[in-house]
Amino acid sequence: MTKTMVDTEVIAGAVELACHAPSLHNSQPWRWVASPTTVDLFGDPARVVRSTDSSGREAIMSCGAALDHFRAAMAAVGWNTHVDEFPNPNNLRHLASIDFSPLNFVTQGCRDRAQAILRRHTDRLPFRAPAHWESFEPILRSFGEPLARLDVLPQEARPQLAQASQLTESARRYDDSYH
């Protein structure tokens, strides 16, 4: 496929929107490099929060969110993105190489997705049951059956869940296929 040049301002705007992606502790562990016909996404190890993400797994997921935002931003301005994941097997920090082709038309849905990125925000408040949970829970359960199941743990079971999570994390610490 012939690689297409995209205006620098378009790329800059898409990268700016992509950087609104959620990341662990707002670390933004990515680095963008633009060439005349591609944009490359790299993981930035200097921005990985090692105290809470020792494997770097959360950083990779954050970069995936940024890539998704970048693609949404490009689609909103008329560009289809073609992503080559891990293009260099000798450099695992090189997460994606993106090239472009013009879209035939831009849908309102494409524009709406890009605009929604600017409305996203982080709510760091403690997670609590919504108001009127007793009446809301049966309604929520009715939407998921039979594809999903909702179990609400009683307060006294939560320390056991936390302990089980810690044990699982310890057991998987050196399991490369898990990470």
C-alpha atoms as a PDB file:
ATOM      1  CA  MET A   1       0.000   0.000   0.000  1.00  0.00           C
ATOM      2  CA  THR A   2       1.193   3.502  -0.820  1.00  0.00           C
ATOM      3  CA  LYS A   3       1.850   5.475   2.321  1.00  0.00           C
ATOM      4  CA  THR A   4       0.039   8.808   2.462  1.00  0.00           C
ATOM      5  CA  MET A   5       1.350  12.033   3.918  1.00  0.00           C
ATOM      6  CA  VAL A   6      -0.848  13.759   6.487  1.00  0.00           C
ATOM      7  CA  ASP A   7      -0.557  17.421   7.407  1.00  0.00           C
ATOM      8  CA  THR A   8       1.615  18.003  10.488  1.00  0.00           C
ATOM      9  CA  GLU A   9      -1.099  20.022  12.243  1.00  0.00           C
ATOM     10  CA  VAL A  10      -3.551  17.133  11.843  1.00  0.00           C
ATOM     11  CA  ILE A  11      -1.043  14.696  13.381  1.00  0.00           C
ATOM     12  CA  ALA A  12      -0.256  17.134  16.211  1.00  0.00           C
ATOM     13  CA  GLY A  13      -3.948  17.577  16.991  1.00  0.00           C
ATOM     14  CA  ALA A  14      -4.530  13.822  17.019  1.00  0.00           C
ATOM     15  CA  VAL A  15      -1.545  13.227  19.316  1.00  0.00           C
ATOM     16  CA  GLU A  16      -2.781  15.980  21.632  1.00  0.00           C
ATOM     17  CA  LEU A  17      -6.183  14.298  21.830  1.00  0.00           C
ATOM     18  CA  ALA A  18      -4.547  10.882  22.276  1.00  0.00           C
ATOM     19  CA  CYS A  19      -2.659  12.188  25.295  1.00  0.00           C
ATOM     20  CA  HIS A  20      -6.003  12.597  27.076  1.00  0.00           C
ATOM     21  CA  ALA A  21      -6.073   8.813  27.416  1.00  0.00           C
ATOM     22  CA  PRO A  22      -6.228   7.408  30.929  1.00  0.00           C
ATOM     23  CA  SER A  23      -2.996   6.073  32.367  1.00  0.00           C
ATOM     24  CA  LEU A  24      -1.881   4.709  35.714  1.00  0.00           C
ATOM     25  CA  HIS A  25      -1.442   7.695  38.074  1.00  0.00           C
ATOM     26  CA  ASN A  26      -1.600   9.909  34.952  1.00  0.00           C
ATOM     27  CA  SER A  27       1.928   8.752  34.111  1.00  0.00           C
ATOM     28  CA  GLN A  28       1.384   8.981  30.330  1.00  0.00           C
ATOM     29  CA  PRO A  29       4.013   6.299  29.614  1.00  0.00           C
ATOM     30  CA  TRP A  30       4.131   6.852  25.865  1.00  0.00           C
ATOM     31  CA  ARG A  31       6.284   8.632  23.315  1.00  0.00           C
ATOM     32  CA  TRP A  32       5.096   9.573  19.830  1.00  0.00           C
ATOM     33  CA  VAL A  33       7.457   9.928  16.862  1.00  0.00           C
ATOM     34  CA  ALA A  34       6.196  11.289  13.545  1.00  0.00           C
ATOM     35  CA  SER A  35       7.844  10.792  10.154  1.00  0.00           C
ATOM     36  CA  PRO A  36       6.565  12.062   6.813  1.00  0.00           C
ATOM     37  CA  THR A  37       4.262   9.031   6.302  1.00  0.00           C
ATOM     38  CA  THR A  38       3.897   7.277   9.678  1.00  0.00           C
ATOM     39  CA  VAL A  39       3.467   7.897  13.361  1.00  0.00           C
ATOM     40  CA  ASP A  40       5.164   5.525  15.775  1.00  0.00           C
ATOM     41  CA  LEU A  41       4.099   4.844  19.343  1.00  0.00           C
ATOM     42  CA  PHE A  42       6.721   3.821  21.873  1.00  0.00           C
ATOM     43  CA  GLY A  43       6.427   2.857  25.507  1.00  0.00           C
ATOM     44  CA  ASP A  44       8.503   5.189  27.666  1.00  0.00           C
ATOM     45  CA  PRO A  45      10.089   3.186  30.508  1.00  0.00           C
ATOM     46  CA  ALA A  46      11.101   6.378  32.302  1.00  0.00           C
ATOM     47  CA  ARG A  47       7.415   7.140  32.865  1.00  0.00           C
ATOM     48  CA  VAL A  48       6.360   3.713  34.165  1.00  0.00           C
ATOM     49  CA  VAL A  49       5.267   3.836  37.809  1.00  0.00           C
ATOM     50  CA  ARG A  50       7.362   0.912  39.069  1.00  0.00           C
ATOM     51  CA  SER A  51       5.998   1.079  42.617  1.00  0.00           C
ATOM     52  CA  THR A  52       2.522   0.053  41.408  1.00  0.00           C
ATOM     53  CA  ASP A  53       3.279  -1.427  37.965  1.00  0.00           C
ATOM     54  CA  SER A  54       6.425  -3.495  38.390  1.00  0.00           C
ATOM     55  CA  SER A  55       5.748  -5.588  35.268  1.00  0.00           C
ATOM     56  CA  GLY A  56       4.876  -2.598  33.066  1.00  0.00           C
ATOM     57  CA  ARG A  57       1.544  -4.216  32.162  1.00  0.00           C
ATOM     58  CA  GLU A  58      -0.541  -1.166  33.140  1.00  0.00           C
ATOM     59  CA  ALA A  59       1.786   1.056  31.094  1.00  0.00           C
ATOM     60  CA  ILE A  60       1.183  -1.062  27.980  1.00  0.00           C
ATOM     61  CA  MET A  61      -2.578  -0.885  28.554  1.00  0.00           C
ATOM     62  CA  SER A  62      -2.290   2.893  28.940  1.00  0.00           C
ATOM     63  CA  CYS A  63      -0.451   3.072  25.617  1.00  0.00           C
ATOM     64  CA  GLY A  64      -3.243   1.011  24.053  1.00  0.00           C
ATOM     65  CA  ALA A  65      -5.772   3.556  25.309  1.00  0.00           C
ATOM     66  CA  ALA A  66      -3.673   6.366  23.816  1.00  0.00           C
ATOM     67  CA  LEU A  67      -3.491   4.506  20.498  1.00  0.00           C
ATOM     68  CA  ASP A  68      -7.270   4.079  20.512  1.00  0.00           C
ATOM     69  CA  HIS A  69      -7.731   7.810  21.176  1.00  0.00           C
ATOM     70  CA  PHE A  70      -5.291   8.626  18.358  1.00  0.00           C
ATOM     71  CA  ARG A  71      -7.256   6.459  15.926  1.00  0.00           C
ATOM     72  CA  ALA A  72     -10.534   8.104  16.988  1.00  0.00           C
ATOM     73  CA  ALA A  73      -9.014  11.560  16.515  1.00  0.00           C
ATOM     74  CA  MET A  74      -7.724  10.715  13.031  1.00  0.00           C
ATOM     75  CA  ALA A  75     -11.054   9.215  11.964  1.00  0.00           C
ATOM     76  CA  ALA A  76     -12.849  12.381  13.082  1.00  0.00           C
ATOM     77  CA  VAL A  77     -10.774  14.441  10.643  1.00  0.00           C
ATOM     78  CA  GLY A  78     -11.061  12.033   7.722  1.00  0.00           C
ATOM     79  CA  TRP A  79      -8.184   9.583   8.051  1.00  0.00           C
ATOM     80  CA  ASN A  80      -8.264   5.819   8.323  1.00  0.00           C
ATOM     81  CA  THR A  81      -5.417   4.393  10.414  1.00  0.00           C
ATOM     82  CA  HIS A  82      -3.530   1.191   9.654  1.00  0.00           C
ATOM     83  CA  VAL A  83      -1.743  -0.105  12.743  1.00  0.00           C
ATOM     84  CA  ASP A  84       1.221  -2.465  12.683  1.00  0.00           C
ATOM     85  CA  GLU A  85       1.561  -3.718  16.273  1.00  0.00           C
ATOM     86  CA  PHE A  86       5.054  -4.423  17.617  1.00  0.00           C
ATOM     87  CA  PRO A  87       6.620  -3.695  14.216  1.00  0.00           C
ATOM     88  CA  ASN A  88      10.158  -4.362  15.406  1.00  0.00           C
ATOM     89  CA  PRO A  89      10.509  -7.662  17.295  1.00  0.00           C
ATOM     90  CA  ASN A  90      13.941  -6.513  18.508  1.00  0.00           C
ATOM     91  CA  ASN A  91      12.489  -3.424  20.191  1.00  0.00           C
ATOM     92  CA  LEU A  92       9.492  -4.256  22.374  1.00  0.00           C
ATOM     93  CA  ARG A  93       9.167  -0.595  23.355  1.00  0.00           C
ATOM     94  CA  HIS A  94       8.110   0.111  19.761  1.00  0.00           C
ATOM     95  CA  LEU A  95       4.438  -0.648  20.292  1.00  0.00           C
ATOM     96  CA  ALA A  96       2.901   0.464  17.005  1.00  0.00           C
ATOM     97  CA  SER A  97       3.571   2.008  13.652  1.00  0.00           C
ATOM     98  CA  ILE A  98       0.593   3.797  12.121  1.00  0.00           C
ATOM     99  CA  ASP A  99       0.077   4.864   8.532  1.00  0.00           C
ATOM    100  CA  PHE A 100      -2.931   6.459   6.908  1.00  0.00           C
ATOM    101  CA  SER A 101      -5.369   6.484   4.029  1.00  0.00           C
ATOM    102  CA  PRO A 102      -8.172   8.964   3.439  1.00  0.00           C
ATOM    103  CA  LEU A 103     -11.668   8.009   4.567  1.00  0.00           C
ATOM    104  CA  ASN A 104     -14.420   8.294   1.973  1.00  0.00           C
ATOM    105  CA  PHE A 105     -16.600  10.116   4.491  1.00  0.00           C
ATOM    106  CA  VAL A 106     -16.590  10.994   8.175  1.00  0.00           C
ATOM    107  CA  THR A 107     -19.619   9.852  10.125  1.00  0.00           C
ATOM    108  CA  GLN A 108     -21.170  11.792  12.963  1.00  0.00           C
ATOM    109  CA  GLY A 109     -20.288   8.822  15.186  1.00  0.00           C
ATOM    110  CA  CYS A 110     -16.585   9.354  14.401  1.00  0.00           C
ATOM    111  CA  ARG A 111     -16.856  13.008  15.382  1.00  0.00           C
ATOM    112  CA  ASP A 112     -18.822  12.171  18.531  1.00  0.00           C
ATOM    113  CA  ARG A 113     -16.214   9.621  19.680  1.00  0.00           C
ATOM    114  CA  ALA A 114     -13.413  12.147  19.303  1.00  0.00           C
ATOM    115  CA  GLN A 115     -15.395  14.819  21.155  1.00  0.00           C
ATOM    116  CA  ALA A 116     -16.165  12.357  23.971  1.00  0.00           C
ATOM    117  CA  ILE A 117     -12.439  12.062  24.670  1.00  0.00           C
ATOM    118  CA  LEU A 118     -12.408  15.644  25.899  1.00  0.00           C
ATOM    119  CA  ARG A 119     -15.319  14.988  28.269  1.00  0.00           C
ATOM    120  CA  ARG A 120     -13.668  12.014  29.997  1.00  0.00           C
ATOM    121  CA  HIS A 121     -12.287  12.683  33.450  1.00  0.00           C
ATOM    122  CA  THR A 122     -10.991  10.711  36.363  1.00  0.00           C
ATOM    123  CA  ASP A 123     -13.098  10.317  39.473  1.00  0.00           C
ATOM    124  CA  ARG A 124     -10.802   9.364  42.334  1.00  0.00           C
ATOM    125  CA  LEU A 125     -13.569   9.188  44.883  1.00  0.00           C
ATOM    126  CA  PRO A 126     -13.962   5.893  46.741  1.00  0.00           C
ATOM    127  CA  PHE A 127     -16.090   3.382  44.862  1.00  0.00           C
ATOM    128  CA  ARG A 128     -19.399   3.047  46.645  1.00  0.00           C
ATOM    129  CA  ALA A 129     -22.760   1.542  45.862  1.00  0.00           C
ATOM    130  CA  PRO A 130     -25.006   3.990  43.997  1.00  0.00           C
ATOM    131  CA  ALA A 131     -27.878   5.635  45.799  1.00  0.00           C
ATOM    132  CA  HIS A 132     -30.900   3.363  46.084  1.00  0.00           C
ATOM    133  CA  TRP A 133     -28.774   0.259  45.416  1.00  0.00           C
ATOM    134  CA  GLU A 134     -31.486  -2.056  46.733  1.00  0.00           C
ATOM    135  CA  SER A 135     -33.861  -1.073  43.912  1.00  0.00           C
ATOM    136  CA  PHE A 136     -31.103  -0.697  41.298  1.00  0.00           C
ATOM    137  CA  GLU A 137     -29.404  -4.088  41.796  1.00  0.00           C
ATOM    138  CA  PRO A 138     -32.334  -6.235  40.472  1.00  0.00           C
ATOM    139  CA  ILE A 139     -32.563  -4.064  37.362  1.00  0.00           C
ATOM    140  CA  LEU A 140     -28.829  -4.390  36.765  1.00  0.00           C
ATOM    141  CA  ARG A 141     -29.031  -8.154  37.197  1.00  0.00           C
ATOM    142  CA  SER A 142     -31.855  -8.416  34.637  1.00  0.00           C
ATOM    143  CA  PHE A 143     -29.700  -6.840  31.892  1.00  0.00           C
ATOM    144  CA  GLY A 144     -26.811  -9.283  32.238  1.00  0.00           C
ATOM    145  CA  GLU A 145     -28.535 -12.646  32.280  1.00  0.00           C
ATOM    146  CA  PRO A 146     -27.470 -15.101  30.904  1.00  0.00           C
ATOM    147  CA  LEU A 147     -24.299 -13.550  29.459  1.00  0.00           C
ATOM    148  CA  ALA A 148     -22.943 -12.134  32.679  1.00  0.00           C
ATOM    149  CA  ARG A 149     -23.322 -12.646  36.374  1.00  0.00           C
ATOM    150  CA  LEU A 150     -23.262 -10.061  39.108  1.00  0.00           C
ATOM    151  CA  ASP A 151     -22.163 -11.022  42.597  1.00  0.00           C
ATOM    152  CA  VAL A 152     -22.033  -8.428  45.334  1.00  0.00           C
ATOM    153  CA  LEU A 153     -19.663  -9.369  48.119  1.00  0.00           C
ATOM    154  CA  PRO A 154     -20.686  -8.600  51.659  1.00  0.00           C
ATOM    155  CA  GLN A 155     -18.397  -6.246  53.536  1.00  0.00           C
ATOM    156  CA  GLU A 156     -16.958  -9.065  55.697  1.00  0.00           C
ATOM    157  CA  ALA A 157     -15.766 -10.988  52.580  1.00  0.00           C
ATOM    158  CA  ARG A 158     -13.714  -8.138  51.119  1.00  0.00           C
ATOM    159  CA  PRO A 159     -10.530  -8.728  53.187  1.00  0.00           C
ATOM    160  CA  GLN A 160     -10.472 -12.313  51.867  1.00  0.00           C
ATOM    161  CA  LEU A 161     -10.805 -11.030  48.304  1.00  0.00           C
ATOM    162  CA  ALA A 162      -7.905  -8.621  48.866  1.00  0.00           C
ATOM    163  CA  GLN A 163      -5.776 -11.447  50.240  1.00  0.00           C
ATOM    164  CA  ALA A 164      -6.663 -13.714  47.302  1.00  0.00           C
ATOM    165  CA  SER A 165      -5.696 -10.923  44.886  1.00  0.00           C
ATOM    166  CA  GLN A 166      -2.316 -10.499  46.591  1.00  0.00           C
ATOM    167  CA  LEU A 167      -1.674 -14.251  46.480  1.00  0.00           C
ATOM    168  CA  THR A 168      -2.566 -14.378  42.788  1.00  0.00           C
ATOM    169  CA  GLU A 169      -0.263 -11.448  42.054  1.00  0.00           C
ATOM    170  CA  SER A 170       2.579 -13.191  43.903  1.00  0.00           C
ATOM    171  CA  ALA A 171       1.971 -16.478  42.104  1.00  0.00           C
ATOM    172  CA  ARG A 172       1.994 -14.739  38.688  1.00  0.00           C
ATOM    173  CA  ARG A 173       4.952 -12.429  39.352  1.00  0.00           C
ATOM    174  CA  TYR A 174       7.340 -14.358  37.069  1.00  0.00           C
ATOM    175  CA  ASP A 175       4.762 -15.733  34.617  1.00  0.00           C
ATOM    176  CA  ASP A 176       5.651 -14.009  31.323  1.00  0.00           C
ATOM    177  CA  SER A 177       2.642 -15.398  29.463  1.00  0.00           C
ATOM    178  CA  TYR A 178       0.313 -13.869  32.085  1.00  0.00           C
ATOM    179  CA  HIS A 179       1.929 -10.452  31.829  1.00  0.00           C
END
